[in-house]
Protein backbone atom coordinates (compact mmCIF):
# COMPACT_ATOMS: atom_id res chain seq x y z
CA MET A 1 0.00 0.00 0.00
CA THR A 2 1.33 3.42 -0.90
CA GLY A 3 1.69 6.21 1.64
CA TRP A 4 -1.44 8.11 0.70
CA ARG A 5 -3.51 4.90 0.66
CA MET A 6 -2.20 4.05 4.12
CA SER A 7 -3.13 7.51 5.32
CA ILE A 8 -6.66 7.14 3.94
CA ALA A 9 -6.98 3.66 5.50
CA ALA A 10 -5.67 4.97 8.84
CA ALA A 11 -8.07 7.92 8.73
CA ALA A 12 -10.99 5.62 7.93
CA PHE A 13 -9.98 3.30 10.77
CA LEU A 14 -9.71 6.20 13.25
CA THR A 15 -13.04 7.65 12.10
CA ALA A 16 -14.73 4.27 12.56
CA GLY A 17 -13.09 3.98 15.99
CA PHE A 18 -14.36 7.39 17.06
CA CYS A 19 -17.85 6.51 15.82
CA LEU A 20 -17.76 3.31 17.86
CA ILE A 21 -16.63 5.20 20.96
CA SER A 22 -19.36 7.80 20.45
CA THR A 23 -22.00 5.13 19.86
CA SER A 24 -20.78 3.21 22.90
CA ALA A 25 -21.04 6.34 25.09
CA GLU A 26 -24.52 7.08 23.74
CA ALA A 27 -25.57 3.48 24.36
CA SER A 28 -24.20 3.71 27.88
CA ALA A 29 -26.14 6.91 28.57
CA ALA A 30 -29.30 5.36 27.11
CA SER A 31 -28.73 2.24 29.20
CA GLN A 32 -28.23 4.33 32.34
CA ALA A 33 -31.45 6.24 31.61
CA ARG A 34 -33.36 2.95 31.19
CA ILE A 35 -31.94 1.69 34.49
CA ALA A 36 -32.89 4.95 36.25
CA HIS A 37 -36.46 4.68 34.94
CA GLN A 38 -36.62 1.05 36.08
CA ILE A 39 -35.40 1.99 39.57
CA GLU A 40 -37.99 4.80 39.76
CA ALA A 41 -40.72 2.31 38.75
CA ASP A 42 -39.49 -0.19 41.35
CA VAL A 43 -39.54 2.48 44.08
CA ALA A 44 -43.04 3.52 42.99
CA ALA A 45 -44.12 -0.11 43.50
CA ILE A 46 -42.43 -0.13 46.94
CA ILE A 47 -44.24 3.09 47.90
CA ALA A 48 -47.56 1.68 46.65
CA GLY A 49 -46.93 -1.37 48.85
CA ILE A 50 -46.20 0.85 51.86
CA ASN A 51 -49.31 2.94 51.25
CA ALA A 52 -51.41 -0.24 50.91
CA HIS A 53 -49.78 -1.57 54.11
CA ASP A 54 -48.79 -4.68 52.14
CA VAL A 55 -45.51 -5.96 53.61
CA ALA A 56 -44.80 -8.32 50.69
CA ALA A 57 -45.32 -5.60 48.07
CA ALA A 58 -43.33 -3.06 50.09
CA THR A 59 -40.34 -5.43 50.31
CA GLN A 60 -40.56 -7.13 46.90
CA PHE A 61 -37.26 -5.62 45.72
CA ASP A 62 -35.34 -6.05 49.00
CA ALA A 63 -32.28 -8.29 48.99
CA PRO A 64 -32.04 -11.01 51.64
CA ASP A 65 -29.11 -9.13 53.25
CA ILE A 66 -30.77 -5.68 53.25
CA VAL A 67 -29.77 -3.19 55.95
CA VAL A 68 -32.36 -0.50 56.74
CA MET A 69 -31.20 2.50 58.75
CA GLU A 70 -33.72 4.98 60.09
CA SER A 71 -33.09 7.88 62.42
CA GLY A 72 -34.16 7.18 65.97
CA ARG A 73 -34.00 3.39 65.86
CA SER A 74 -31.55 0.52 65.50
CA PRO A 75 -30.94 -0.74 61.97
CA SER A 76 -32.90 -3.70 60.62
CA THR A 77 -30.63 -6.34 59.18
CA GLY A 78 -32.00 -8.90 56.78
CA LEU A 79 -35.27 -9.28 54.95
CA ASP A 80 -37.07 -10.97 57.85
CA ASP A 81 -36.27 -8.07 60.21
CA GLU A 82 -37.35 -5.54 57.58
CA ARG A 83 -40.67 -7.32 57.02
CA GLN A 84 -41.33 -7.67 60.74
CA GLY A 85 -40.58 -3.98 61.36
CA LEU A 86 -42.83 -2.81 58.54
CA GLY A 87 -45.64 -5.05 59.76
CA MET A 88 -45.35 -3.52 63.23
CA ALA A 89 -45.33 0.03 61.76
CA PHE A 90 -48.45 -0.70 59.69
CA GLN A 91 -50.21 -2.06 62.75
CA TYR A 92 -49.09 0.79 65.01
CA ASN A 93 -50.19 3.56 62.65
CA PRO A 94 -52.83 2.53 60.09
CA ALA A 95 -52.97 6.11 58.74
CA TRP A 96 -49.27 6.06 57.73
CA ARG A 97 -48.80 7.02 54.06
CA ILE A 98 -46.01 8.63 52.06
CA ARG A 99 -46.21 11.04 49.12
CA LEU A 100 -43.34 11.72 46.71
CA ALA A 101 -41.95 15.25 46.74
CA GLU A 102 -38.91 14.75 44.48
CA GLU A 103 -36.61 11.95 43.35
CA SER A 104 -33.47 11.21 41.38
CA VAL A 105 -31.43 8.15 40.48
CA ASP A 106 -27.67 7.98 39.97
CA VAL A 107 -26.52 4.95 37.97
CA SER A 108 -22.90 3.80 38.03
CA ALA A 109 -20.93 3.94 34.79
CA SER A 110 -20.73 0.14 34.83
CA GLY A 111 -24.52 -0.09 35.08
CA ASP A 112 -24.51 -2.57 37.95
CA MET A 113 -25.31 -0.22 40.86
CA ALA A 114 -27.67 2.70 41.41
CA VAL A 115 -28.52 5.07 44.24
CA TYR A 116 -32.08 6.29 44.57
CA ARG A 117 -32.63 9.61 46.38
CA GLY A 118 -36.06 10.91 47.23
CA SER A 119 -37.86 13.29 49.52
CA TYR A 120 -41.31 12.38 50.74
CA ASN A 121 -44.10 13.82 52.81
CA GLU A 122 -44.87 11.22 55.45
CA ASP A 123 -48.44 11.44 56.75
CA SER A 124 -49.80 9.83 59.92
CA THR A 125 -52.07 10.59 62.84
CA ARG A 126 -51.57 11.22 66.55
CA ASN A 127 -54.62 10.87 68.73
CA GLY A 128 -56.80 11.36 65.66
CA THR A 129 -54.97 14.52 64.51
CA PRO A 130 -53.34 14.32 61.06
CA TYR A 131 -49.59 14.94 61.19
CA THR A 132 -46.97 15.15 58.48
CA HIS A 133 -43.22 15.60 58.08
CA VAL A 134 -40.67 15.47 55.29
CA VAL A 135 -38.27 12.55 55.06
CA ASN A 136 -35.19 11.91 52.96
CA PHE A 137 -34.99 8.42 51.52
CA LEU A 138 -31.87 6.79 50.05
CA GLU A 139 -31.70 3.27 48.62
CA GLY A 140 -28.72 1.42 47.26
CA PHE A 141 -29.68 -0.88 44.38
CA ARG A 142 -27.40 -3.53 42.93
CA LYS A 143 -27.95 -5.73 39.92
CA ASP A 144 -27.59 -9.19 41.40
CA PRO A 145 -26.12 -12.19 39.54
CA ASP A 146 -29.65 -13.35 38.63
CA GLY A 147 -30.07 -10.08 36.67
CA HIS A 148 -32.64 -8.55 39.05
CA TRP A 149 -32.21 -5.17 40.73
CA LYS A 150 -32.39 -5.47 44.52
CA VAL A 151 -32.21 -2.98 47.39
CA HIS A 152 -29.20 -3.84 49.58
CA TRP A 153 -29.40 -0.84 51.91
CA SER A 154 -31.66 2.08 52.65
CA VAL A 155 -31.58 5.15 54.85
CA VAL A 156 -34.65 7.06 56.04
CA CYS A 157 -34.01 10.36 57.79
CA ALA A 158 -36.49 13.02 58.91
CA GLN A 159 -35.87 16.37 57.27
CA SER A 160 -38.47 18.19 59.36
CA PRO A 161 -40.15 17.52 62.70
CA SER A 162 -43.71 16.23 62.65
CA HIS A 163 -46.33 18.94 62.66
CA PRO A 164 -50.10 19.03 62.25
CA ALA A 165 -50.91 18.50 58.58
CA ASN A 166 -52.90 21.75 58.34
CA ALA A 167 -49.88 23.75 59.58
CA GLN A 168 -47.91 23.23 56.33
């Protein structure tokens, strides 16, 4: 091959390489967006389970080794502890519901881990009086070897003290 033909071949090769890199980056961004939407849908199903006071639905995406940390109480470790704690909370306060205020999902570049961040209005009652407060909610999702996304840890932290719902 002559010099100019080599130059053209090298340029074509480099152009194809750059196109592949660009396409790969675009595919990665599209993949991360799909994962983020899936995580948001999974959390919506978790919240629906909580609001229905359905322990199985509320924990359907929890990993067996989940660790749940909430301000003011000891962490729950393992799926059985998480389910037992939620069941007790549902029984203790049948008016307990949560409403989404805002959410975001950060997906790792490798696409095997994601962090969900949300703020919620948590509604309940005290002696028949409706109360509410804002909570921050973090969940660490990991794509497990079986290909399913599972929550391996979560953190719930009050952002505001409880106050009568009509005082918002």
